[in-house]
Amino acid sequence: MMLFNQAAENNKQVILEQLMDLLANSSQLLEIGSGTGQHAVHFAANLPHLTWHTSDLKDNHPSINAYIDDSGLGNVHRPFEFDVGENDWPELPIDAVYTANTAHIMQPHHVQRMMRLVAEHLLIGGVFCQYGPFKVDGKFTTESNASFDACLRAQGYGGYRDIEELQDWCADSVLKLEKTIPMPANNFLLVWRKS
């Protein structure tokens, strides 16, 4: 059952353009929150040097598997269950991590745990690419982002995280913010590096 997300379809190419450079020297990538599976197969097809490991909650596995089956790709792996608050980090030599549109859905303490897990398990020199909407210096970048954040919180989601907040959570770790890349539709691609 291949689910379709219009936002993922809209942003996959502009994200790929950044990832082609950022992941040029990576070999084993973990995607946290693979969603429908659209990103995984698009990126894996265009980054053949990379082994793409998908993960998500069990409910999303059928769609991810359907995209993998349809793609016929050999460098994208079937999803394993990974809930940041519940499951252990996979026993894989991961030198890259990618996640899209997860930080504003997750509860703040789960985002903090995700940052800690990436810092702990990513190989030295590895890169963490984190895409989505974020606050900057405590402020929303647009009124529509403020409205969407209020809507998310009303539904019980964690809401937008501030980039400075994420940096504070990593202040005592080996994970450092290397680049903040503005993206279309008021999003950012945060590029973290493990020193």
N, C-alpha and C. Protein backbone atom coordinates (compact mmCIF):
# COMPACT_ATOMS: atom_id res chain seq x y z
N MET A 1 0.84 -1.18 0.00
CA MET A 1 0.00 0.00 0.00
C MET A 1 0.89 1.24 0.00
N MET A 2 1.09 1.84 -1.17
CA MET A 2 1.96 3.00 -1.31
C MET A 2 1.19 4.27 -0.95
N LEU A 3 1.51 4.84 0.19
CA LEU A 3 0.90 6.11 0.58
C LEU A 3 1.63 7.26 -0.12
N PHE A 4 0.95 8.38 -0.27
CA PHE A 4 1.54 9.50 -0.99
C PHE A 4 1.44 10.75 -0.14
N ASN A 5 2.58 11.45 -0.01
CA ASN A 5 2.62 12.71 0.74
C ASN A 5 3.06 13.81 -0.22
N GLN A 6 2.20 14.79 -0.42
CA GLN A 6 2.48 15.84 -1.41
C GLN A 6 3.70 16.67 -1.01
N ALA A 7 3.84 16.96 0.27
CA ALA A 7 5.00 17.75 0.73
C ALA A 7 6.31 17.02 0.43
N ALA A 8 6.33 15.70 0.67
CA ALA A 8 7.54 14.91 0.38
C ALA A 8 7.85 14.93 -1.11
N GLU A 9 6.81 14.87 -1.93
CA GLU A 9 6.99 14.92 -3.38
C GLU A 9 7.54 16.29 -3.79
N ASN A 10 7.03 17.35 -3.17
CA ASN A 10 7.44 18.71 -3.52
C ASN A 10 8.89 19.00 -3.15
N ASN A 11 9.34 18.46 -2.01
CA ASN A 11 10.66 18.86 -1.52
C ASN A 11 11.79 17.87 -1.82
N LYS A 12 11.46 16.70 -2.38
CA LYS A 12 12.49 15.67 -2.52
C LYS A 12 13.65 16.08 -3.43
N GLN A 13 13.37 16.81 -4.48
CA GLN A 13 14.44 17.17 -5.42
C GLN A 13 15.35 18.27 -4.85
N VAL A 14 14.77 19.26 -4.19
CA VAL A 14 15.61 20.33 -3.62
C VAL A 14 16.46 19.81 -2.46
N ILE A 15 15.93 18.86 -1.71
CA ILE A 15 16.73 18.24 -0.64
C ILE A 15 17.84 17.41 -1.26
N LEU A 16 17.51 16.63 -2.28
CA LEU A 16 18.51 15.80 -2.95
C LEU A 16 19.69 16.63 -3.45
N GLU A 17 19.41 17.79 -4.00
CA GLU A 17 20.47 18.65 -4.51
C GLU A 17 21.49 18.99 -3.43
N GLN A 18 21.03 19.14 -2.20
CA GLN A 18 21.94 19.39 -1.08
C GLN A 18 22.64 18.10 -0.63
N LEU A 19 21.87 17.02 -0.57
CA LEU A 19 22.43 15.75 -0.07
C LEU A 19 23.51 15.19 -0.98
N MET A 20 23.42 15.47 -2.27
CA MET A 20 24.42 14.92 -3.20
C MET A 20 25.83 15.38 -2.82
N ASP A 21 25.94 16.59 -2.33
CA ASP A 21 27.23 17.10 -1.88
C ASP A 21 27.52 16.66 -0.44
N LEU A 22 26.53 16.79 0.43
CA LEU A 22 26.73 16.50 1.86
C LEU A 22 27.04 15.03 2.13
N LEU A 23 26.48 14.14 1.31
CA LEU A 23 26.64 12.69 1.54
C LEU A 23 27.60 12.03 0.56
N ALA A 24 28.37 12.84 -0.14
CA ALA A 24 29.27 12.31 -1.18
C ALA A 24 30.28 11.30 -0.63
N ASN A 25 30.68 11.47 0.63
CA ASN A 25 31.69 10.58 1.22
C ASN A 25 31.10 9.62 2.25
N SER A 26 29.78 9.53 2.30
CA SER A 26 29.13 8.64 3.26
C SER A 26 28.84 7.29 2.60
N SER A 27 28.67 6.25 3.43
CA SER A 27 28.39 4.92 2.87
C SER A 27 27.19 4.23 3.49
N GLN A 28 26.94 4.47 4.79
CA GLN A 28 25.84 3.81 5.49
C GLN A 28 24.99 4.86 6.18
N LEU A 29 23.75 5.03 5.70
CA LEU A 29 22.88 6.08 6.24
C LEU A 29 21.65 5.49 6.92
N LEU A 30 21.31 6.06 8.07
CA LEU A 30 20.08 5.73 8.77
C LEU A 30 19.10 6.87 8.59
N GLU A 31 17.90 6.57 8.07
CA GLU A 31 16.84 7.56 8.01
C GLU A 31 15.92 7.35 9.20
N ILE A 32 15.78 8.37 10.02
CA ILE A 32 14.88 8.32 11.17
C ILE A 32 13.54 8.89 10.74
N GLY A 33 12.52 8.05 10.73
CA GLY A 33 11.19 8.48 10.32
C GLY A 33 11.04 8.50 8.81
N SER A 34 11.03 7.34 8.18
CA SER A 34 10.98 7.25 6.71
C SER A 34 9.60 7.57 6.14
N GLY A 35 8.59 7.67 7.00
CA GLY A 35 7.26 8.11 6.54
C GLY A 35 6.66 7.19 5.49
N THR A 36 6.31 7.77 4.34
CA THR A 36 5.70 6.98 3.27
C THR A 36 6.72 6.10 2.56
N GLY A 37 8.00 6.54 2.56
CA GLY A 37 9.05 5.85 1.81
C GLY A 37 9.47 6.59 0.55
N GLN A 38 8.80 7.68 0.24
CA GLN A 38 9.08 8.44 -0.99
C GLN A 38 10.51 8.98 -1.01
N HIS A 39 10.93 9.58 0.09
CA HIS A 39 12.28 10.14 0.14
C HIS A 39 13.33 9.05 0.00
N ALA A 40 13.14 7.96 0.73
CA ALA A 40 14.15 6.89 0.75
C ALA A 40 14.48 6.39 -0.65
N VAL A 41 13.45 6.07 -1.43
CA VAL A 41 13.73 5.50 -2.76
C VAL A 41 14.25 6.55 -3.72
N HIS A 42 13.78 7.78 -3.61
CA HIS A 42 14.27 8.85 -4.50
C HIS A 42 15.75 9.13 -4.23
N PHE A 43 16.10 9.23 -2.96
CA PHE A 43 17.48 9.54 -2.62
C PHE A 43 18.41 8.35 -2.91
N ALA A 44 17.96 7.14 -2.57
CA ALA A 44 18.79 5.95 -2.80
C ALA A 44 19.05 5.76 -4.29
N ALA A 45 18.06 6.04 -5.13
CA ALA A 45 18.23 5.90 -6.58
C ALA A 45 19.27 6.87 -7.12
N ASN A 46 19.35 8.04 -6.49
CA ASN A 46 20.26 9.08 -6.98
C ASN A 46 21.59 9.13 -6.23
N LEU A 47 21.72 8.30 -5.19
CA LEU A 47 22.96 8.21 -4.42
C LEU A 47 23.36 6.73 -4.34
N PRO A 48 23.72 6.14 -5.49
CA PRO A 48 23.94 4.69 -5.55
C PRO A 48 25.11 4.19 -4.70
N HIS A 49 26.01 5.10 -4.31
CA HIS A 49 27.16 4.71 -3.46
C HIS A 49 26.75 4.49 -2.01
N LEU A 50 25.52 4.87 -1.68
CA LEU A 50 25.05 4.90 -0.30
C LEU A 50 24.09 3.75 -0.02
N THR A 51 24.26 3.09 1.14
CA THR A 51 23.28 2.12 1.61
C THR A 51 22.32 2.85 2.54
N TRP A 52 21.03 2.86 2.15
CA TRP A 52 20.01 3.65 2.86
C TRP A 52 19.19 2.72 3.75
N HIS A 53 19.28 2.92 5.07
CA HIS A 53 18.54 2.10 6.03
C HIS A 53 17.30 2.87 6.49
N THR A 54 16.12 2.34 6.17
CA THR A 54 14.88 3.01 6.56
C THR A 54 14.43 2.58 7.96
N SER A 55 13.69 3.46 8.62
CA SER A 55 13.13 3.12 9.93
C SER A 55 11.91 3.98 10.18
N ASP A 56 10.99 3.44 10.97
CA ASP A 56 9.80 4.19 11.36
C ASP A 56 8.98 3.34 12.31
N LEU A 57 7.86 3.89 12.74
CA LEU A 57 6.91 3.13 13.53
C LEU A 57 6.31 2.05 12.63
N LYS A 58 5.86 0.97 13.24
CA LYS A 58 5.38 -0.22 12.51
C LYS A 58 4.27 0.12 11.50
N ASP A 59 3.40 1.05 11.86
CA ASP A 59 2.26 1.39 11.00
C ASP A 59 2.69 1.90 9.62
N ASN A 60 3.88 2.48 9.54
CA ASN A 60 4.35 3.04 8.27
C ASN A 60 5.14 2.05 7.42
N HIS A 61 5.42 0.86 7.96
CA HIS A 61 6.24 -0.10 7.22
C HIS A 61 5.62 -0.58 5.91
N PRO A 62 4.30 -0.85 5.84
CA PRO A 62 3.74 -1.32 4.57
C PRO A 62 3.98 -0.37 3.39
N SER A 63 3.83 0.93 3.62
CA SER A 63 4.06 1.89 2.54
C SER A 63 5.54 1.95 2.16
N ILE A 64 6.42 1.98 3.16
CA ILE A 64 7.86 2.02 2.88
C ILE A 64 8.26 0.77 2.07
N ASN A 65 7.78 -0.38 2.49
CA ASN A 65 8.10 -1.63 1.77
C ASN A 65 7.55 -1.61 0.35
N ALA A 66 6.37 -1.03 0.17
CA ALA A 66 5.78 -0.96 -1.18
C ALA A 66 6.63 -0.11 -2.10
N TYR A 67 7.14 1.01 -1.59
CA TYR A 67 8.03 1.87 -2.40
C TYR A 67 9.34 1.15 -2.72
N ILE A 68 9.88 0.43 -1.73
CA ILE A 68 11.12 -0.31 -1.96
C ILE A 68 10.90 -1.39 -3.01
N ASP A 69 9.80 -2.13 -2.90
CA ASP A 69 9.47 -3.17 -3.88
C ASP A 69 9.33 -2.58 -5.28
N ASP A 70 8.64 -1.46 -5.37
CA ASP A 70 8.40 -0.83 -6.66
C ASP A 70 9.68 -0.29 -7.28
N SER A 71 10.63 0.13 -6.44
CA SER A 71 11.86 0.74 -6.95
C SER A 71 12.84 -0.28 -7.53
N GLY A 72 12.84 -1.49 -6.97
CA GLY A 72 13.80 -2.50 -7.42
C GLY A 72 15.24 -2.19 -7.03
N LEU A 73 15.43 -1.25 -6.14
CA LEU A 73 16.78 -0.83 -5.74
C LEU A 73 17.41 -1.83 -4.78
N GLY A 74 18.72 -2.00 -4.90
CA GLY A 74 19.44 -2.90 -4.01
C GLY A 74 20.12 -2.18 -2.85
N ASN A 75 20.11 -0.85 -2.87
CA ASN A 75 20.84 -0.10 -1.83
C ASN A 75 19.92 0.57 -0.82
N VAL A 76 18.65 0.18 -0.82
CA VAL A 76 17.74 0.69 0.22
C VAL A 76 17.15 -0.50 0.97
N HIS A 77 17.27 -0.47 2.29
CA HIS A 77 16.88 -1.62 3.12
C HIS A 77 15.50 -1.45 3.71
N ARG A 78 14.86 -2.59 3.93
CA ARG A 78 13.51 -2.59 4.51
C ARG A 78 13.54 -1.97 5.91
N PRO A 79 12.43 -1.37 6.31
CA PRO A 79 12.43 -0.63 7.57
C PRO A 79 12.48 -1.53 8.80
N PHE A 80 13.11 -1.03 9.82
CA PHE A 80 13.01 -1.66 11.13
C PHE A 80 12.27 -0.70 12.03
N GLU A 81 11.69 -1.24 13.08
CA GLU A 81 10.91 -0.41 14.00
C GLU A 81 11.85 0.43 14.84
N PHE A 82 11.67 1.73 14.76
CA PHE A 82 12.52 2.63 15.55
C PHE A 82 11.70 3.81 16.04
N ASP A 83 11.35 3.76 17.31
CA ASP A 83 10.71 4.86 18.01
C ASP A 83 11.78 5.41 18.93
N VAL A 84 12.16 6.66 18.70
CA VAL A 84 13.28 7.27 19.44
C VAL A 84 13.12 7.13 20.94
N GLY A 85 11.90 7.18 21.44
CA GLY A 85 11.68 7.08 22.87
C GLY A 85 11.66 5.66 23.41
N GLU A 86 11.62 4.67 22.51
CA GLU A 86 11.41 3.29 22.95
C GLU A 86 12.51 2.31 22.52
N ASN A 87 12.89 2.37 21.25
CA ASN A 87 13.77 1.33 20.69
C ASN A 87 15.25 1.71 20.78
N ASP A 88 16.09 0.66 20.83
CA ASP A 88 17.53 0.87 20.86
C ASP A 88 18.03 1.29 19.48
N TRP A 89 19.14 2.00 19.47
CA TRP A 89 19.81 2.37 18.22
C TRP A 89 20.24 1.10 17.50
N PRO A 90 20.08 1.04 16.17
CA PRO A 90 20.45 -0.17 15.44
C PRO A 90 21.95 -0.44 15.48
N GLU A 91 22.29 -1.71 15.48
CA GLU A 91 23.71 -2.12 15.49
C GLU A 91 24.24 -2.07 14.06
N LEU A 92 24.51 -0.87 13.58
CA LEU A 92 24.99 -0.65 12.22
C LEU A 92 26.11 0.39 12.24
N PRO A 93 27.10 0.28 11.33
CA PRO A 93 28.18 1.27 11.28
C PRO A 93 27.73 2.52 10.52
N ILE A 94 26.89 3.33 11.15
CA ILE A 94 26.26 4.47 10.50
C ILE A 94 27.21 5.68 10.45
N ASP A 95 27.48 6.18 9.23
CA ASP A 95 28.30 7.39 9.11
C ASP A 95 27.48 8.58 8.59
N ALA A 96 26.16 8.39 8.47
CA ALA A 96 25.27 9.48 8.09
C ALA A 96 23.87 9.20 8.64
N VAL A 97 23.18 10.26 9.04
CA VAL A 97 21.79 10.16 9.50
C VAL A 97 20.99 11.24 8.79
N TYR A 98 19.78 10.89 8.39
CA TYR A 98 18.87 11.84 7.75
C TYR A 98 17.51 11.75 8.41
N THR A 99 16.89 12.88 8.64
CA THR A 99 15.51 12.89 9.12
C THR A 99 14.82 14.13 8.57
N ALA A 100 13.56 13.97 8.21
CA ALA A 100 12.80 15.08 7.63
C ALA A 100 11.45 15.21 8.33
N ASN A 101 11.14 16.42 8.72
CA ASN A 101 9.83 16.75 9.30
C ASN A 101 9.45 15.86 10.47
N THR A 102 10.42 15.65 11.36
CA THR A 102 10.17 14.84 12.56
C THR A 102 10.20 15.67 13.84
N ALA A 103 11.09 16.68 13.90
CA ALA A 103 11.33 17.40 15.16
C ALA A 103 10.10 18.16 15.65
N HIS A 104 9.23 18.61 14.75
CA HIS A 104 8.05 19.35 15.19
C HIS A 104 6.86 18.43 15.49
N ILE A 105 7.00 17.15 15.14
CA ILE A 105 5.97 16.15 15.45
C ILE A 105 6.27 15.49 16.80
N MET A 106 7.54 15.18 17.03
CA MET A 106 7.97 14.52 18.26
C MET A 106 7.84 15.45 19.46
N GLN A 107 7.73 14.84 20.64
CA GLN A 107 7.75 15.62 21.88
C GLN A 107 9.18 16.13 22.11
N PRO A 108 9.33 17.30 22.76
CA PRO A 108 10.67 17.87 22.93
C PRO A 108 11.69 16.91 23.54
N HIS A 109 11.29 16.14 24.56
CA HIS A 109 12.26 15.24 25.19
C HIS A 109 12.69 14.12 24.24
N HIS A 110 11.83 13.76 23.28
CA HIS A 110 12.22 12.76 22.29
C HIS A 110 13.18 13.36 21.26
N VAL A 111 12.98 14.62 20.90
CA VAL A 111 13.92 15.30 20.00
C VAL A 111 15.29 15.38 20.68
N GLN A 112 15.27 15.74 21.96
CA GLN A 112 16.53 15.83 22.71
C GLN A 112 17.23 14.47 22.75
N ARG A 113 16.44 13.41 22.95
CA ARG A 113 17.01 12.06 22.96
C ARG A 113 17.56 11.70 21.59
N MET A 114 16.86 12.07 20.52
CA MET A 114 17.34 11.80 19.16
C MET A 114 18.71 12.45 18.94
N MET A 115 18.84 13.71 19.36
CA MET A 115 20.11 14.42 19.19
C MET A 115 21.22 13.69 19.98
N ARG A 116 20.88 13.24 21.17
CA ARG A 116 21.86 12.56 22.02
C ARG A 116 22.27 11.22 21.40
N LEU A 117 21.28 10.48 20.88
CA LEU A 117 21.58 9.18 20.25
C LEU A 117 22.45 9.34 19.01
N VAL A 118 22.14 10.35 18.20
CA VAL A 118 22.96 10.60 17.00
C VAL A 118 24.39 10.93 17.42
N ALA A 119 24.54 11.81 18.41
CA ALA A 119 25.88 12.19 18.89
C ALA A 119 26.65 10.98 19.41
N GLU A 120 25.93 10.09 20.06
CA GLU A 120 26.57 8.92 20.68
C GLU A 120 26.96 7.86 19.65
N HIS A 121 26.12 7.61 18.66
CA HIS A 121 26.31 6.45 17.79
C HIS A 121 26.85 6.73 16.39
N LEU A 122 26.71 7.96 15.91
CA LEU A 122 27.24 8.30 14.59
C LEU A 122 28.75 8.14 14.61
N LEU A 123 29.32 7.60 13.54
CA LEU A 123 30.77 7.45 13.47
C LEU A 123 31.44 8.82 13.45
N ILE A 124 32.67 8.88 13.94
CA ILE A 124 33.43 10.13 13.96
C ILE A 124 33.54 10.68 12.54
N GLY A 125 33.27 11.97 12.39
CA GLY A 125 33.31 12.60 11.07
C GLY A 125 32.00 12.47 10.32
N GLY A 126 31.05 11.73 10.90
CA GLY A 126 29.76 11.50 10.25
C GLY A 126 28.90 12.74 10.24
N VAL A 127 27.89 12.73 9.36
CA VAL A 127 27.03 13.90 9.16
C VAL A 127 25.57 13.55 9.49
N PHE A 128 24.88 14.50 10.09
CA PHE A 128 23.46 14.36 10.42
C PHE A 128 22.73 15.48 9.71
N CYS A 129 21.86 15.13 8.75
CA CYS A 129 21.09 16.09 7.96
C CYS A 129 19.67 16.11 8.48
N GLN A 130 19.25 17.24 9.01
CA GLN A 130 17.96 17.38 9.69
C GLN A 130 17.12 18.45 8.96
N TYR A 131 16.08 17.99 8.29
CA TYR A 131 15.26 18.89 7.47
C TYR A 131 13.92 19.19 8.15
N GLY A 132 13.44 20.41 7.97
CA GLY A 132 12.11 20.73 8.46
C GLY A 132 11.97 22.20 8.81
N PRO A 133 10.84 22.56 9.41
CA PRO A 133 10.63 23.93 9.87
C PRO A 133 11.16 24.10 11.29
N PHE A 134 11.83 25.21 11.53
CA PHE A 134 12.38 25.49 12.85
C PHE A 134 12.18 26.96 13.19
N LYS A 135 12.20 27.27 14.47
CA LYS A 135 12.23 28.66 14.91
C LYS A 135 13.69 29.12 14.90
N VAL A 136 13.89 30.44 14.73
CA VAL A 136 15.23 31.03 14.72
C VAL A 136 15.27 32.12 15.77
N ASP A 137 16.22 32.00 16.70
CA ASP A 137 16.34 32.99 17.79
C ASP A 137 15.01 33.19 18.53
N GLY A 138 14.31 32.08 18.73
CA GLY A 138 13.06 32.13 19.48
C GLY A 138 11.86 32.62 18.71
N LYS A 139 12.03 32.89 17.43
CA LYS A 139 10.93 33.46 16.64
C LYS A 139 10.58 32.57 15.45
N PHE A 140 9.30 32.59 15.07
CA PHE A 140 8.86 31.93 13.85
C PHE A 140 9.30 32.77 12.66
N THR A 141 9.63 32.11 11.56
CA THR A 141 10.10 32.84 10.38
C THR A 141 8.94 33.43 9.59
N THR A 142 7.73 32.90 9.78
CA THR A 142 6.54 33.44 9.11
C THR A 142 5.32 33.28 10.01
N GLU A 143 4.27 34.05 9.72
CA GLU A 143 3.01 33.92 10.45
C GLU A 143 2.38 32.55 10.22
N SER A 144 2.53 32.03 9.00
CA SER A 144 1.94 30.71 8.70
C SER A 144 2.61 29.62 9.53
N ASN A 145 3.92 29.76 9.79
CA ASN A 145 4.60 28.79 10.65
C ASN A 145 4.08 28.86 12.08
N ALA A 146 3.82 30.07 12.56
CA ALA A 146 3.27 30.24 13.91
C ALA A 146 1.89 29.59 14.01
N SER A 147 1.09 29.76 12.98
CA SER A 147 -0.26 29.16 12.95
C SER A 147 -0.18 27.64 12.92
N PHE A 148 0.72 27.12 12.10
CA PHE A 148 0.87 25.66 11.98
C PHE A 148 1.37 25.06 13.30
N ASP A 149 2.30 25.77 13.95
CA ASP A 149 2.80 25.31 15.25
C ASP A 149 1.67 25.22 16.26
N ALA A 150 0.81 26.24 16.30
CA ALA A 150 -0.32 26.24 17.24
C ALA A 150 -1.26 25.08 16.94
N CYS A 151 -1.46 24.80 15.67
CA CYS A 151 -2.32 23.68 15.24
C CYS A 151 -1.73 22.35 15.69
N LEU A 152 -0.41 22.19 15.51
CA LEU A 152 0.27 20.96 15.92
C LEU A 152 0.14 20.73 17.43
N ARG A 153 0.41 21.78 18.19
CA ARG A 153 0.36 21.67 19.65
C ARG A 153 -1.06 21.35 20.14
N ALA A 154 -2.06 21.90 19.45
CA ALA A 154 -3.46 21.63 19.81
C ALA A 154 -3.81 20.16 19.60
N GLN A 155 -3.09 19.51 18.67
CA GLN A 155 -3.33 18.09 18.40
C GLN A 155 -2.44 17.17 19.25
N GLY A 156 -1.63 17.77 20.12
CA GLY A 156 -0.80 16.97 21.02
C GLY A 156 0.62 16.72 20.53
N TYR A 157 0.99 17.32 19.37
CA TYR A 157 2.36 17.18 18.88
C TYR A 157 3.28 18.16 19.61
N GLY A 158 4.57 17.97 19.45
CA GLY A 158 5.54 18.76 20.21
C GLY A 158 5.71 20.19 19.75
N GLY A 159 5.47 20.46 18.46
CA GLY A 159 5.63 21.82 17.95
C GLY A 159 7.05 22.12 17.51
N TYR A 160 7.22 23.30 16.94
CA TYR A 160 8.50 23.71 16.36
C TYR A 160 9.59 23.79 17.42
N ARG A 161 10.77 23.33 17.07
CA ARG A 161 11.94 23.47 17.92
C ARG A 161 12.76 24.66 17.41
N ASP A 162 13.43 25.32 18.32
CA ASP A 162 14.30 26.42 17.96
C ASP A 162 15.70 25.87 17.65
N ILE A 163 16.33 26.40 16.61
CA ILE A 163 17.66 25.91 16.24
C ILE A 163 18.65 26.09 17.39
N GLU A 164 18.53 27.22 18.10
CA GLU A 164 19.41 27.48 19.24
C GLU A 164 19.18 26.46 20.37
N GLU A 165 17.93 26.05 20.54
CA GLU A 165 17.59 25.03 21.54
C GLU A 165 18.30 23.72 21.21
N LEU A 166 18.26 23.33 19.93
CA LEU A 166 18.95 22.11 19.51
C LEU A 166 20.45 22.20 19.77
N GLN A 167 21.02 23.36 19.49
CA GLN A 167 22.45 23.56 19.74
C GLN A 167 22.77 23.48 21.23
N ASP A 168 21.88 24.03 22.06
CA ASP A 168 22.08 23.95 23.51
C ASP A 168 22.08 22.50 23.98
N TRP A 169 21.19 21.70 23.40
CA TRP A 169 21.12 20.28 23.77
C TRP A 169 22.39 19.54 23.37
N CYS A 170 23.10 20.04 22.38
CA CYS A 170 24.32 19.39 21.90
C CYS A 170 25.59 20.08 22.42
N ALA A 171 25.42 21.07 23.28
CA ALA A 171 26.56 21.89 23.73
C ALA A 171 27.68 21.06 24.35
N ASP A 172 27.31 20.03 25.09
CA ASP A 172 28.32 19.21 25.77
C ASP A 172 28.65 17.94 24.99
N SER A 173 28.21 17.86 23.74
CA SER A 173 28.44 16.65 22.96
C SER A 173 29.42 16.92 21.82
N VAL A 174 29.71 15.87 21.06
CA VAL A 174 30.64 15.97 19.93
C VAL A 174 29.90 16.33 18.64
N LEU A 175 28.59 16.58 18.74
CA LEU A 175 27.78 16.91 17.56
C LEU A 175 27.65 18.43 17.46
N LYS A 176 28.15 18.99 16.37
CA LYS A 176 28.17 20.44 16.21
C LYS A 176 27.44 20.85 14.92
N LEU A 177 26.70 21.95 15.00
CA LEU A 177 26.00 22.47 13.84
C LEU A 177 27.01 23.12 12.91
N GLU A 178 27.10 22.57 11.70
CA GLU A 178 28.10 23.03 10.72
C GLU A 178 27.51 24.04 9.74
N LYS A 179 26.25 23.80 9.33
CA LYS A 179 25.59 24.68 8.36
C LYS A 179 24.10 24.75 8.65
N THR A 180 23.51 25.91 8.37
CA THR A 180 22.05 26.08 8.38
C THR A 180 21.67 26.55 6.99
N ILE A 181 21.05 25.67 6.22
CA ILE A 181 20.75 25.96 4.82
C ILE A 181 19.27 26.31 4.68
N PRO A 182 18.95 27.56 4.29
CA PRO A 182 17.54 27.90 4.05
C PRO A 182 17.00 27.12 2.85
N MET A 183 15.79 26.61 2.99
CA MET A 183 15.17 25.80 1.95
C MET A 183 13.81 26.41 1.58
N PRO A 184 13.23 25.98 0.45
CA PRO A 184 11.90 26.51 0.07
C PRO A 184 10.83 26.21 1.14
N ALA A 185 9.74 26.94 1.04
CA ALA A 185 8.58 26.76 1.92
C ALA A 185 8.91 26.97 3.40
N ASN A 186 9.84 27.90 3.66
CA ASN A 186 10.19 28.30 5.03
C ASN A 186 10.79 27.17 5.86
N ASN A 187 11.49 26.26 5.21
CA ASN A 187 12.16 25.17 5.90
C ASN A 187 13.66 25.40 5.93
N PHE A 188 14.35 24.55 6.71
CA PHE A 188 15.81 24.59 6.78
C PHE A 188 16.36 23.17 6.67
N LEU A 189 17.59 23.07 6.21
CA LEU A 189 18.34 21.83 6.31
C LEU A 189 19.50 22.12 7.25
N LEU A 190 19.45 21.51 8.43
CA LEU A 190 20.51 21.67 9.42
C LEU A 190 21.54 20.56 9.21
N VAL A 191 22.79 20.95 9.12
CA VAL A 191 23.86 19.99 8.86
C VAL A 191 24.75 19.93 10.10
N TRP A 192 24.69 18.79 10.79
CA TRP A 192 25.46 18.56 11.99
C TRP A 192 26.63 17.62 11.67
N ARG A 193 27.74 17.81 12.34
CA ARG A 193 28.92 16.95 12.11
C ARG A 193 29.44 16.45 13.44
N LYS A 194 29.79 15.16 13.48
CA LYS A 194 30.39 14.60 14.70
C LYS A 194 31.89 14.77 14.64
N SER A 195 32.43 15.51 15.60
CA SER A 195 33.87 15.79 15.62
C SER A 195 34.62 14.71 16.39
